[in-house]
Amino acid sequence: MAGGGFSKLPNGSVVVAITLTGPTDGTGPGTPVRVLVHAANRARALTRLRNLGLRAVYLRGNAEPPTPDEITAVLHHPDGVLWRARPEQAQELWHPIRALLRPAVPAVADRRPA
């Protein structure tokens, strides 16, 4: 089950933070991934994640709300959706969500006719 929470900002928008299990090809099998989303409300934040392909994402309760550093990071990012592979390690940088969802493309040898 995903742990997460939200924080309502003074302007009425929210920042939702959810800890998910990372994809098997991205950060390693079973590695927790902390995802941050900035949106107008909680429903729209979860809809943004579902539209990106994370279908089974639900926010139950507010057990793990975003920290002030996480809120600052997502507010200063143009996409408003970030992730970090190891939430407990603060020295790892935040990445745009495209880097997590990008399929691994194998290197293809140059096949030119001789």
N, C-alpha and C. Protein backbone atom coordinates (compact mmCIF):
# COMPACT_ATOMS: atom_id res chain seq x y z
N MET A 1 0.84 -1.17 0.00
CA MET A 1 0.00 0.00 0.00
C MET A 1 0.89 1.23 0.00
N ALA A 2 0.45 2.23 -0.70
CA ALA A 2 1.21 3.47 -0.80
C ALA A 2 0.94 4.34 0.42
N GLY A 3 2.01 4.87 0.99
CA GLY A 3 1.86 5.82 2.08
C GLY A 3 1.97 7.22 1.52
N GLY A 4 1.26 8.13 2.11
CA GLY A 4 1.33 9.49 1.58
C GLY A 4 0.55 10.47 2.42
N GLY A 5 0.49 11.68 1.90
CA GLY A 5 -0.24 12.73 2.58
C GLY A 5 -0.29 13.96 1.71
N PHE A 6 -0.84 15.03 2.26
CA PHE A 6 -0.99 16.25 1.49
C PHE A 6 -0.80 17.44 2.41
N SER A 7 -0.57 18.58 1.80
CA SER A 7 -0.45 19.83 2.54
C SER A 7 -1.17 20.90 1.74
N LYS A 8 -2.10 21.58 2.38
CA LYS A 8 -2.83 22.65 1.71
C LYS A 8 -2.04 23.95 1.84
N LEU A 9 -1.86 24.64 0.74
CA LEU A 9 -1.09 25.87 0.70
C LEU A 9 -2.00 27.08 0.93
N PRO A 10 -1.44 28.23 1.32
CA PRO A 10 -2.27 29.42 1.58
C PRO A 10 -3.10 29.88 0.39
N ASN A 11 -2.65 29.62 -0.84
CA ASN A 11 -3.41 30.05 -2.01
C ASN A 11 -4.52 29.07 -2.39
N GLY A 12 -4.70 28.00 -1.61
CA GLY A 12 -5.78 27.05 -1.85
C GLY A 12 -5.35 25.80 -2.59
N SER A 13 -4.19 25.80 -3.23
CA SER A 13 -3.72 24.61 -3.92
C SER A 13 -3.12 23.63 -2.91
N VAL A 14 -2.84 22.43 -3.37
CA VAL A 14 -2.30 21.40 -2.49
C VAL A 14 -1.04 20.78 -3.09
N VAL A 15 -0.21 20.25 -2.22
CA VAL A 15 0.93 19.42 -2.62
C VAL A 15 0.67 18.04 -2.04
N VAL A 16 0.63 17.04 -2.91
CA VAL A 16 0.40 15.66 -2.50
C VAL A 16 1.72 14.91 -2.61
N ALA A 17 2.05 14.15 -1.58
CA ALA A 17 3.25 13.32 -1.55
C ALA A 17 2.83 11.88 -1.34
N ILE A 18 3.29 10.99 -2.22
CA ILE A 18 2.94 9.57 -2.14
C ILE A 18 4.21 8.75 -2.28
N THR A 19 4.37 7.75 -1.42
CA THR A 19 5.50 6.83 -1.51
C THR A 19 5.00 5.56 -2.17
N LEU A 20 5.59 5.23 -3.31
CA LEU A 20 5.19 4.07 -4.09
C LEU A 20 6.37 3.12 -4.22
N THR A 21 6.10 1.90 -4.69
CA THR A 21 7.16 0.97 -5.02
C THR A 21 7.62 1.27 -6.43
N GLY A 22 8.93 1.41 -6.62
CA GLY A 22 9.48 1.79 -7.92
C GLY A 22 9.29 0.72 -8.96
N PRO A 23 9.34 1.11 -10.23
CA PRO A 23 9.22 0.12 -11.31
C PRO A 23 10.43 -0.80 -11.34
N THR A 24 10.24 -1.99 -11.87
CA THR A 24 11.31 -2.98 -11.87
C THR A 24 12.45 -2.60 -12.80
N ASP A 25 12.19 -1.82 -13.84
CA ASP A 25 13.25 -1.47 -14.78
C ASP A 25 13.89 -0.13 -14.47
N GLY A 26 13.31 0.66 -13.59
CA GLY A 26 13.82 2.00 -13.34
C GLY A 26 14.80 2.07 -12.20
N THR A 27 14.30 2.17 -10.97
CA THR A 27 15.15 2.37 -9.80
C THR A 27 15.54 1.07 -9.13
N GLY A 28 15.04 -0.03 -9.60
CA GLY A 28 15.32 -1.32 -8.98
C GLY A 28 14.04 -1.87 -8.37
N PRO A 29 13.88 -3.19 -8.37
CA PRO A 29 12.65 -3.78 -7.85
C PRO A 29 12.49 -3.54 -6.36
N GLY A 30 11.33 -3.06 -5.98
CA GLY A 30 11.03 -2.86 -4.57
C GLY A 30 11.59 -1.60 -3.96
N THR A 31 12.26 -0.76 -4.73
CA THR A 31 12.81 0.48 -4.20
C THR A 31 11.69 1.49 -4.00
N PRO A 32 11.56 2.06 -2.81
CA PRO A 32 10.50 3.06 -2.62
C PRO A 32 10.80 4.34 -3.40
N VAL A 33 9.76 4.91 -3.97
CA VAL A 33 9.85 6.13 -4.75
C VAL A 33 8.88 7.14 -4.15
N ARG A 34 9.37 8.32 -3.83
CA ARG A 34 8.52 9.39 -3.29
C ARG A 34 8.14 10.30 -4.45
N VAL A 35 6.84 10.45 -4.69
CA VAL A 35 6.33 11.26 -5.79
C VAL A 35 5.61 12.46 -5.20
N LEU A 36 5.91 13.65 -5.73
CA LEU A 36 5.28 14.90 -5.31
C LEU A 36 4.49 15.48 -6.46
N VAL A 37 3.28 15.97 -6.16
CA VAL A 37 2.42 16.58 -7.18
C VAL A 37 1.84 17.87 -6.63
N HIS A 38 1.91 18.93 -7.43
CA HIS A 38 1.28 20.20 -7.08
C HIS A 38 0.06 20.36 -7.98
N ALA A 39 -1.11 20.60 -7.38
CA ALA A 39 -2.34 20.74 -8.16
C ALA A 39 -3.33 21.61 -7.40
N ALA A 40 -4.46 21.89 -8.04
CA ALA A 40 -5.48 22.74 -7.44
C ALA A 40 -6.14 22.07 -6.24
N ASN A 41 -6.32 20.74 -6.30
CA ASN A 41 -6.89 20.00 -5.18
C ASN A 41 -6.38 18.56 -5.21
N ARG A 42 -6.73 17.79 -4.18
CA ARG A 42 -6.21 16.42 -4.08
C ARG A 42 -6.68 15.55 -5.23
N ALA A 43 -7.93 15.69 -5.63
CA ALA A 43 -8.45 14.87 -6.72
C ALA A 43 -7.70 15.14 -8.02
N ARG A 44 -7.41 16.39 -8.30
CA ARG A 44 -6.67 16.71 -9.52
C ARG A 44 -5.23 16.21 -9.45
N ALA A 45 -4.64 16.24 -8.28
CA ALA A 45 -3.28 15.73 -8.13
C ALA A 45 -3.23 14.23 -8.44
N LEU A 46 -4.18 13.49 -7.91
CA LEU A 46 -4.22 12.05 -8.18
C LEU A 46 -4.56 11.78 -9.63
N THR A 47 -5.42 12.62 -10.23
CA THR A 47 -5.74 12.47 -11.65
C THR A 47 -4.51 12.70 -12.51
N ARG A 48 -3.68 13.66 -12.14
CA ARG A 48 -2.44 13.90 -12.90
C ARG A 48 -1.56 12.65 -12.89
N LEU A 49 -1.45 11.99 -11.74
CA LEU A 49 -0.65 10.77 -11.67
C LEU A 49 -1.28 9.64 -12.48
N ARG A 50 -2.58 9.51 -12.41
CA ARG A 50 -3.26 8.46 -13.18
C ARG A 50 -3.11 8.70 -14.68
N ASN A 51 -3.16 9.96 -15.10
CA ASN A 51 -2.98 10.27 -16.52
C ASN A 51 -1.57 9.98 -17.00
N LEU A 52 -0.61 9.96 -16.10
CA LEU A 52 0.76 9.63 -16.45
C LEU A 52 1.01 8.12 -16.50
N GLY A 53 0.02 7.33 -16.14
CA GLY A 53 0.15 5.88 -16.21
C GLY A 53 0.21 5.18 -14.87
N LEU A 54 0.18 5.91 -13.78
CA LEU A 54 0.18 5.30 -12.45
C LEU A 54 -1.28 5.09 -12.04
N ARG A 55 -1.86 4.01 -12.48
CA ARG A 55 -3.31 3.79 -12.36
C ARG A 55 -3.78 3.52 -10.94
N ALA A 56 -3.08 2.73 -10.19
CA ALA A 56 -3.56 2.32 -8.86
C ALA A 56 -2.98 3.22 -7.77
N VAL A 57 -3.20 4.51 -7.88
CA VAL A 57 -2.68 5.47 -6.90
C VAL A 57 -3.85 6.05 -6.13
N TYR A 58 -3.84 5.83 -4.82
CA TYR A 58 -4.89 6.35 -3.95
C TYR A 58 -4.24 7.02 -2.75
N LEU A 59 -4.90 8.02 -2.22
CA LEU A 59 -4.41 8.71 -1.03
C LEU A 59 -5.37 8.41 0.10
N ARG A 60 -4.90 7.63 1.06
CA ARG A 60 -5.73 7.27 2.21
C ARG A 60 -5.10 7.87 3.46
N GLY A 61 -5.72 8.90 3.97
CA GLY A 61 -5.22 9.53 5.18
C GLY A 61 -4.14 10.55 4.89
N ASN A 62 -3.50 11.00 5.96
CA ASN A 62 -2.46 12.00 5.86
C ASN A 62 -1.29 11.60 6.76
N ALA A 63 -0.87 10.34 6.65
CA ALA A 63 0.16 9.80 7.54
C ALA A 63 1.55 10.33 7.21
N GLU A 64 1.84 10.58 5.93
CA GLU A 64 3.16 11.04 5.51
C GLU A 64 3.03 12.31 4.67
N PRO A 65 2.69 13.44 5.28
CA PRO A 65 2.55 14.68 4.50
C PRO A 65 3.90 15.15 3.96
N PRO A 66 3.89 15.98 2.93
CA PRO A 66 5.16 16.48 2.39
C PRO A 66 5.87 17.39 3.38
N THR A 67 7.18 17.31 3.40
CA THR A 67 7.98 18.18 4.26
C THR A 67 8.09 19.56 3.62
N PRO A 68 8.49 20.57 4.37
CA PRO A 68 8.67 21.90 3.76
C PRO A 68 9.68 21.90 2.61
N ASP A 69 10.73 21.09 2.70
CA ASP A 69 11.69 21.01 1.60
C ASP A 69 11.05 20.40 0.35
N GLU A 70 10.19 19.40 0.54
CA GLU A 70 9.51 18.79 -0.60
C GLU A 70 8.54 19.78 -1.24
N ILE A 71 7.84 20.54 -0.42
CA ILE A 71 6.91 21.54 -0.95
C ILE A 71 7.67 22.58 -1.78
N THR A 72 8.80 23.03 -1.26
CA THR A 72 9.61 24.01 -1.99
C THR A 72 10.09 23.44 -3.32
N ALA A 73 10.51 22.19 -3.32
CA ALA A 73 11.02 21.56 -4.55
C ALA A 73 9.94 21.49 -5.62
N VAL A 74 8.75 21.05 -5.26
CA VAL A 74 7.70 20.89 -6.27
C VAL A 74 7.14 22.24 -6.72
N LEU A 75 7.14 23.24 -5.86
CA LEU A 75 6.65 24.56 -6.27
C LEU A 75 7.61 25.24 -7.24
N HIS A 76 8.89 24.93 -7.15
CA HIS A 76 9.86 25.56 -8.03
C HIS A 76 10.12 24.78 -9.31
N HIS A 77 9.43 23.67 -9.52
CA HIS A 77 9.60 22.89 -10.74
C HIS A 77 8.49 23.24 -11.72
N PRO A 78 8.82 23.47 -13.00
CA PRO A 78 7.79 23.90 -13.95
C PRO A 78 6.68 22.88 -14.19
N ASP A 79 6.98 21.58 -14.11
CA ASP A 79 5.95 20.56 -14.34
C ASP A 79 5.07 20.35 -13.12
N GLY A 80 5.60 20.56 -11.93
CA GLY A 80 4.83 20.35 -10.72
C GLY A 80 4.69 18.89 -10.32
N VAL A 81 5.47 18.00 -10.94
CA VAL A 81 5.46 16.57 -10.59
C VAL A 81 6.92 16.11 -10.54
N LEU A 82 7.35 15.64 -9.36
CA LEU A 82 8.73 15.21 -9.14
C LEU A 82 8.77 13.85 -8.46
N TRP A 83 9.93 13.21 -8.49
CA TRP A 83 10.13 11.96 -7.76
C TRP A 83 11.57 11.86 -7.30
N ARG A 84 11.77 11.04 -6.28
CA ARG A 84 13.10 10.74 -5.75
C ARG A 84 13.10 9.28 -5.34
N ALA A 85 14.16 8.55 -5.67
CA ALA A 85 14.18 7.10 -5.47
C ALA A 85 14.22 6.70 -4.00
N ARG A 86 14.99 7.37 -3.19
CA ARG A 86 15.11 6.97 -1.79
C ARG A 86 14.69 8.13 -0.91
N PRO A 87 13.46 8.12 -0.43
CA PRO A 87 12.96 9.25 0.36
C PRO A 87 13.76 9.51 1.63
N GLU A 88 14.37 8.49 2.21
CA GLU A 88 15.09 8.67 3.47
C GLU A 88 16.46 9.33 3.26
N GLN A 89 16.94 9.39 2.02
CA GLN A 89 18.24 10.01 1.75
C GLN A 89 18.01 11.40 1.17
N ALA A 90 18.24 12.43 1.97
CA ALA A 90 17.96 13.79 1.54
C ALA A 90 18.97 14.31 0.53
N GLN A 91 20.13 13.66 0.38
CA GLN A 91 21.13 14.17 -0.54
C GLN A 91 20.82 13.82 -2.00
N GLU A 92 19.92 12.89 -2.26
CA GLU A 92 19.56 12.59 -3.64
C GLU A 92 18.69 13.71 -4.20
N LEU A 93 18.93 14.06 -5.44
CA LEU A 93 18.19 15.15 -6.06
C LEU A 93 16.83 14.68 -6.57
N TRP A 94 15.93 15.62 -6.75
CA TRP A 94 14.61 15.34 -7.31
C TRP A 94 14.72 15.27 -8.82
N HIS A 95 13.89 14.41 -9.42
CA HIS A 95 13.90 14.21 -10.86
C HIS A 95 12.51 14.52 -11.42
N PRO A 96 12.43 14.98 -12.67
CA PRO A 96 11.11 15.14 -13.29
C PRO A 96 10.46 13.77 -13.50
N ILE A 97 9.16 13.74 -13.49
CA ILE A 97 8.43 12.47 -13.58
C ILE A 97 8.70 11.75 -14.89
N ARG A 98 9.04 12.48 -15.94
CA ARG A 98 9.34 11.85 -17.24
C ARG A 98 10.51 10.88 -17.12
N ALA A 99 11.46 11.17 -16.24
CA ALA A 99 12.62 10.29 -16.08
C ALA A 99 12.23 8.95 -15.45
N LEU A 100 11.20 8.93 -14.63
CA LEU A 100 10.75 7.69 -14.00
C LEU A 100 9.91 6.86 -14.96
N LEU A 101 9.09 7.52 -15.75
CA LEU A 101 8.15 6.81 -16.62
C LEU A 101 8.71 6.48 -17.98
N ARG A 102 9.88 7.01 -18.31
CA ARG A 102 10.49 6.77 -19.61
C ARG A 102 10.87 5.30 -19.73
N PRO A 103 10.44 4.63 -20.79
CA PRO A 103 10.82 3.22 -20.94
C PRO A 103 12.31 3.11 -21.25
N ALA A 104 12.89 2.05 -20.76
CA ALA A 104 14.31 1.80 -21.03
C ALA A 104 14.47 1.40 -22.49
N VAL A 105 15.22 2.17 -23.24
CA VAL A 105 15.43 1.89 -24.66
C VAL A 105 16.79 1.23 -24.82
N PRO A 106 16.81 -0.01 -25.32
CA PRO A 106 18.11 -0.66 -25.50
C PRO A 106 18.88 -0.01 -26.64
N ALA A 107 20.19 -0.02 -26.51
CA ALA A 107 21.03 0.55 -27.56
C ALA A 107 20.97 -0.36 -28.79
N VAL A 108 20.66 0.24 -29.92
CA VAL A 108 20.54 -0.52 -31.17
C VAL A 108 21.78 -0.24 -32.00
N ALA A 109 22.39 -1.30 -32.50
CA ALA A 109 23.58 -1.14 -33.33
C ALA A 109 23.19 -0.49 -34.65
N ASP A 110 24.08 0.29 -35.19
CA ASP A 110 23.85 0.96 -36.46
C ASP A 110 23.85 -0.09 -37.57
N ARG A 111 22.71 -0.25 -38.22
CA ARG A 111 22.57 -1.29 -39.25
C ARG A 111 22.48 -0.64 -40.63
N ARG A 112 23.60 -0.31 -41.17
CA ARG A 112 23.64 0.25 -42.52
C ARG A 112 24.04 -0.85 -43.49
N PRO A 113 23.42 -0.84 -44.65
CA PRO A 113 23.82 -1.85 -45.65
C PRO A 113 25.24 -1.58 -46.13
N ALA A 114 25.98 -2.65 -46.35
CA ALA A 114 27.37 -2.51 -46.77
C ALA A 114 27.52 -2.25 -48.24
